[in-house]
Amino acid sequence: MNSSELGGNAGVIVDESAALDFAAKRIAAGGFAFAGQSCISVQRVYVHDRIYDDFTARLVRLVEALKVGDPLVPATDLGPMIEESEAARIEAWVGEATRAGARVLTGGRRLGPAVYAPTILSDVPNDARVCAHEVFAPLVALFRFSRFEQAIAEVNRSTYGLQAGVFTADLEHTLRAFDELETGGVIVNDGPTWRIDHMPYGGVKDSGMGREGPRYTFEEMTEPKLLVINRQVG
């Protein structure tokens, strides 16, 4: 049995001890591979106040350097969305967010009928659909935090709980994230987009029930049967 839903609006925490170049590269890959059309694509990124401006500048440079075009061309980094209606949907969601106060740091427009520019937003209201719902598009929203526990609470402010990423060199923060993040998986020093087939992959809340992965799928499909014998003596 596979997880029944596997939806998500994956959160990532970038702690002040993180390696910023590496974090920016992995978040760019996790947010814009497959045009963001993955249930574990990076969607919400919470960055410590002290490194926010520096990290944001690095991420924007990487995203603006992405090559958008035909996915059959090897040099292309980002292709079209699955349908024209999906590009129209995310265009409407971004418009809704900007009218509510969000800022477009890069992108924020359609480049063709089914092609949406890789987009980074900031100052997004928590109830905007680009934050609260599964965006399933090439879009990442950035948020500030000052205390690590605040970042954990913001990642948990979601109806989903599939995977989360935490970039940090602080072991205590790693252990706290594992204890307190309400997700099926916590990926440290990489994005939530990382997975392998033989790991127990699945989530909590509206991200489903059960776990994928051969061993865990077999366990879900197996009905254990127990025999107890009290051997008579004498």
Protein backbone atom coordinates (compact mmCIF):
# COMPACT_ATOMS: atom_id res chain seq x y z
CA MET A 1 0.00 0.00 0.00
CA ASN A 2 1.40 3.41 -0.96
CA SER A 3 0.81 6.58 0.97
CA SER A 4 -2.68 7.73 0.08
CA GLU A 5 -1.89 11.34 -0.84
CA LEU A 6 1.71 12.56 -0.60
CA GLY A 7 0.79 16.21 -1.12
CA GLY A 8 2.92 18.92 0.43
CA ASN A 9 4.10 22.52 0.64
CA ALA A 10 7.57 21.58 1.83
CA GLY A 11 9.34 23.86 4.26
CA VAL A 12 13.08 24.47 4.57
CA ILE A 13 14.97 26.15 7.42
CA VAL A 14 18.26 27.93 6.66
CA ASP A 15 19.95 28.44 10.02
CA GLU A 16 22.59 31.13 10.58
CA SER A 17 25.29 28.43 10.72
CA ALA A 18 24.41 27.06 7.27
CA ALA A 19 26.84 27.00 4.34
CA LEU A 20 25.04 29.61 2.24
CA ASP A 21 26.35 28.77 -1.23
CA PHE A 22 25.53 25.10 -0.77
CA ALA A 23 22.11 25.83 0.73
CA ALA A 24 21.22 28.20 -2.11
CA LYS A 25 22.26 25.66 -4.76
CA ARG A 26 20.29 22.83 -3.19
CA ILE A 27 17.21 25.00 -2.64
CA ALA A 28 17.34 26.23 -6.25
CA ALA A 29 17.53 22.61 -7.40
CA GLY A 30 14.77 21.50 -5.04
CA GLY A 31 12.43 24.34 -5.90
CA PHE A 32 12.75 24.39 -9.67
CA ALA A 33 13.57 20.87 -10.88
CA PHE A 34 10.61 19.43 -12.82
CA ALA A 35 9.26 23.02 -12.92
CA GLY A 36 8.41 22.58 -9.25
CA GLN A 37 5.93 19.82 -10.05
CA SER A 38 6.83 17.42 -7.28
CA CYS A 39 5.13 16.88 -3.94
CA ILE A 40 8.48 17.42 -2.17
CA SER A 41 9.53 20.49 -4.13
CA VAL A 42 10.87 23.30 -1.97
CA GLN A 43 8.05 25.81 -1.45
CA ARG A 44 8.53 27.70 1.84
CA VAL A 45 12.03 28.79 2.93
CA TYR A 46 12.64 30.23 6.41
CA VAL A 47 15.95 32.11 6.64
CA HIS A 48 17.61 33.51 9.77
CA ASP A 49 17.56 37.31 10.00
CA ARG A 50 21.34 37.62 10.15
CA ILE A 51 21.88 35.86 6.81
CA TYR A 52 18.60 36.67 5.06
CA ASP A 53 19.86 39.38 2.70
CA ASP A 54 23.05 37.51 1.81
CA PHE A 55 21.24 34.22 1.22
CA THR A 56 18.46 35.88 -0.78
CA ALA A 57 20.95 37.57 -3.12
CA ARG A 58 22.70 34.23 -3.76
CA LEU A 59 19.44 32.40 -4.42
CA VAL A 60 18.09 35.09 -6.76
CA ARG A 61 21.32 34.99 -8.81
CA LEU A 62 21.09 31.22 -9.18
CA VAL A 63 17.44 31.27 -10.16
CA GLU A 64 17.88 34.09 -12.68
CA ALA A 65 20.65 32.03 -14.32
CA LEU A 66 18.34 29.05 -14.92
CA LYS A 67 17.76 28.28 -18.61
CA VAL A 68 14.06 28.01 -19.41
CA GLY A 69 13.03 26.20 -22.57
CA ASP A 70 12.52 22.87 -24.31
CA PRO A 71 13.02 20.00 -21.81
CA LEU A 72 14.43 17.84 -24.64
CA VAL A 73 17.40 20.19 -24.93
CA PRO A 74 20.13 19.06 -22.49
CA ALA A 75 21.04 22.64 -21.48
CA THR A 76 17.49 23.40 -20.31
CA ASP A 77 17.01 23.72 -16.55
CA LEU A 78 13.29 24.39 -16.46
CA GLY A 79 10.59 23.38 -18.92
CA PRO A 80 6.83 23.91 -19.19
CA MET A 81 4.20 22.96 -16.67
CA ILE A 82 2.08 19.91 -17.34
CA GLU A 83 -0.84 21.91 -18.77
CA GLU A 84 -1.59 25.47 -19.84
CA SER A 85 -4.30 25.60 -17.17
CA GLU A 86 -1.66 24.97 -14.49
CA ALA A 87 0.39 27.96 -15.65
CA ALA A 88 -2.79 30.04 -15.56
CA ARG A 89 -3.52 28.78 -12.05
CA ILE A 90 -0.14 29.78 -10.64
CA GLU A 91 -0.36 33.13 -12.44
CA ALA A 92 -3.63 33.75 -10.60
CA TRP A 93 -2.19 32.62 -7.25
CA VAL A 94 0.81 34.94 -7.57
CA GLY A 95 -1.47 37.82 -8.52
CA GLU A 96 -3.55 37.11 -5.42
CA ALA A 97 -0.44 37.07 -3.22
CA THR A 98 1.01 40.31 -4.60
CA ARG A 99 -2.30 42.10 -4.13
CA ALA A 100 -2.11 40.99 -0.48
CA GLY A 101 1.39 42.46 -0.08
CA ALA A 102 3.83 39.84 -1.38
CA ARG A 103 6.88 41.05 -3.33
CA VAL A 104 8.22 39.41 -6.48
CA LEU A 105 12.02 39.15 -6.24
CA THR A 106 12.35 37.47 -9.62
CA GLY A 107 9.99 35.88 -12.15
CA GLY A 108 6.31 36.26 -11.43
CA ARG A 109 5.08 35.99 -15.01
CA ARG A 110 4.19 33.56 -17.77
CA LEU A 111 6.74 33.12 -20.54
CA GLY A 112 4.44 31.08 -22.78
CA PRO A 113 1.09 29.28 -22.70
CA ALA A 114 2.32 26.57 -20.31
CA VAL A 115 5.63 28.11 -19.19
CA TYR A 116 5.92 30.02 -15.93
CA ALA A 117 9.11 31.86 -15.05
CA PRO A 118 11.04 30.55 -12.04
CA THR A 119 9.75 32.77 -9.26
CA ILE A 120 10.88 33.87 -5.81
CA LEU A 121 8.48 35.77 -3.54
CA SER A 122 8.95 37.47 -0.19
CA ASP A 123 6.57 39.02 2.36
CA VAL A 124 3.91 36.44 1.51
CA PRO A 125 0.89 36.36 3.86
CA ASN A 126 0.59 32.96 5.57
CA ASP A 127 -2.94 32.47 4.28
CA ALA A 128 -2.07 33.14 0.61
CA ARG A 129 -2.50 30.06 -1.54
CA VAL A 130 1.14 30.17 -2.69
CA CYS A 131 2.03 29.54 0.96
CA ALA A 132 -0.86 27.61 2.51
CA HIS A 133 -1.62 25.26 -0.40
CA GLU A 134 0.51 22.96 -2.51
CA VAL A 135 1.80 25.26 -5.25
CA PHE A 136 3.15 22.49 -7.56
CA ALA A 137 4.89 25.09 -9.71
CA PRO A 138 8.31 26.77 -10.09
CA LEU A 139 7.86 29.06 -7.11
CA VAL A 140 9.61 29.53 -3.77
CA ALA A 141 8.52 31.89 -0.97
CA LEU A 142 11.08 33.34 1.47
CA PHE A 143 10.43 34.24 5.11
CA ARG A 144 12.58 35.60 7.94
CA PHE A 145 13.01 34.17 11.42
CA SER A 146 15.03 35.22 14.46
CA ARG A 147 14.72 32.16 16.71
CA PHE A 148 15.06 28.54 15.63
CA GLU A 149 11.91 27.50 17.49
CA GLN A 150 10.01 30.15 15.53
CA ALA A 151 11.17 28.59 12.24
CA ILE A 152 10.04 25.13 13.39
CA ALA A 153 6.63 26.51 14.33
CA GLU A 154 6.27 28.16 10.91
CA VAL A 155 7.19 24.98 9.03
CA ASN A 156 4.61 23.14 11.17
CA ARG A 157 1.97 25.75 10.32
CA SER A 158 0.64 23.59 7.51
CA THR A 159 -2.02 21.01 6.83
CA TYR A 160 0.73 18.97 5.16
CA GLY A 161 3.67 17.11 6.67
CA LEU A 162 5.63 15.18 4.06
CA GLN A 163 9.32 16.18 4.31
CA ALA A 164 11.27 19.19 5.54
CA GLY A 165 14.83 20.36 4.99
CA VAL A 166 17.14 21.95 7.57
CA PHE A 167 20.47 23.57 6.68
CA THR A 168 22.53 23.91 9.85
CA ALA A 169 25.90 23.09 11.41
CA ASP A 170 24.35 23.08 14.90
CA LEU A 171 23.79 19.55 16.26
CA GLU A 172 21.31 20.77 18.87
CA HIS A 173 19.23 22.40 16.15
CA THR A 174 19.39 19.20 14.10
CA LEU A 175 18.09 17.13 17.02
CA ARG A 176 15.43 19.68 17.87
CA ALA A 177 14.24 19.76 14.27
CA PHE A 178 13.97 15.97 14.23
CA ASP A 179 12.03 15.97 17.51
CA GLU A 180 9.64 18.80 16.70
CA LEU A 181 9.05 19.04 12.94
CA GLU A 182 5.69 17.50 12.08
CA THR A 183 6.82 15.72 8.92
CA GLY A 184 7.43 12.16 7.80
CA GLY A 185 11.07 12.94 7.05
CA VAL A 186 13.66 15.54 8.04
CA ILE A 187 16.55 16.02 5.60
CA VAL A 188 19.52 17.79 7.19
CA ASN A 189 21.79 19.88 4.95
CA ASP A 190 19.76 19.16 1.86
CA GLY A 191 16.32 20.04 0.61
CA PRO A 192 13.14 18.04 1.28
CA THR A 193 13.24 16.99 -2.38
CA TRP A 194 15.85 14.32 -1.61
CA ARG A 195 14.64 10.71 -1.41
CA ILE A 196 15.66 7.18 -2.37
CA ASP A 197 13.36 4.28 -3.16
CA HIS A 198 14.38 2.06 -0.26
CA MET A 199 13.79 4.60 2.50
CA PRO A 200 10.44 4.86 4.36
CA TYR A 201 8.93 7.72 2.35
CA GLY A 202 5.64 9.22 3.42
CA GLY A 203 4.06 11.89 5.55
CA VAL A 204 1.64 12.92 8.27
CA LYS A 205 -1.42 15.20 8.39
CA ASP A 206 -2.84 15.65 4.85
CA SER A 207 0.33 14.20 3.32
CA GLY A 208 -1.06 10.70 3.63
CA MET A 209 -0.73 7.51 5.60
CA GLY A 210 1.61 4.57 5.28
CA ARG A 211 5.09 4.59 3.77
CA GLU A 212 6.51 3.93 0.33
CA GLY A 213 9.66 1.90 -0.27
CA PRO A 214 9.76 -1.85 -1.07
CA ARG A 215 10.18 -3.12 2.50
CA TYR A 216 7.60 -0.75 3.95
CA THR A 217 5.12 -1.40 1.16
CA PHE A 218 5.38 -5.15 1.75
CA GLU A 219 4.79 -4.57 5.45
CA GLU A 220 1.66 -2.56 4.67
CA MET A 221 0.37 -5.36 2.40
CA THR A 222 1.17 -8.14 4.87
CA GLU A 223 -1.26 -9.42 7.50
CA PRO A 224 0.76 -10.92 10.36
CA LYS A 225 -0.62 -14.16 11.79
CA LEU A 226 0.35 -15.47 15.18
CA LEU A 227 0.25 -19.03 16.54
CA VAL A 228 0.69 -19.60 20.26
CA ILE A 229 1.05 -23.17 21.60
CA ASN A 230 1.13 -24.00 25.25
CA ARG A 231 2.75 -27.41 25.15
CA GLN A 232 1.18 -29.80 27.65
CA VAL A 233 3.62 -31.45 29.99
CA GLY A 234 2.71 -34.72 31.75
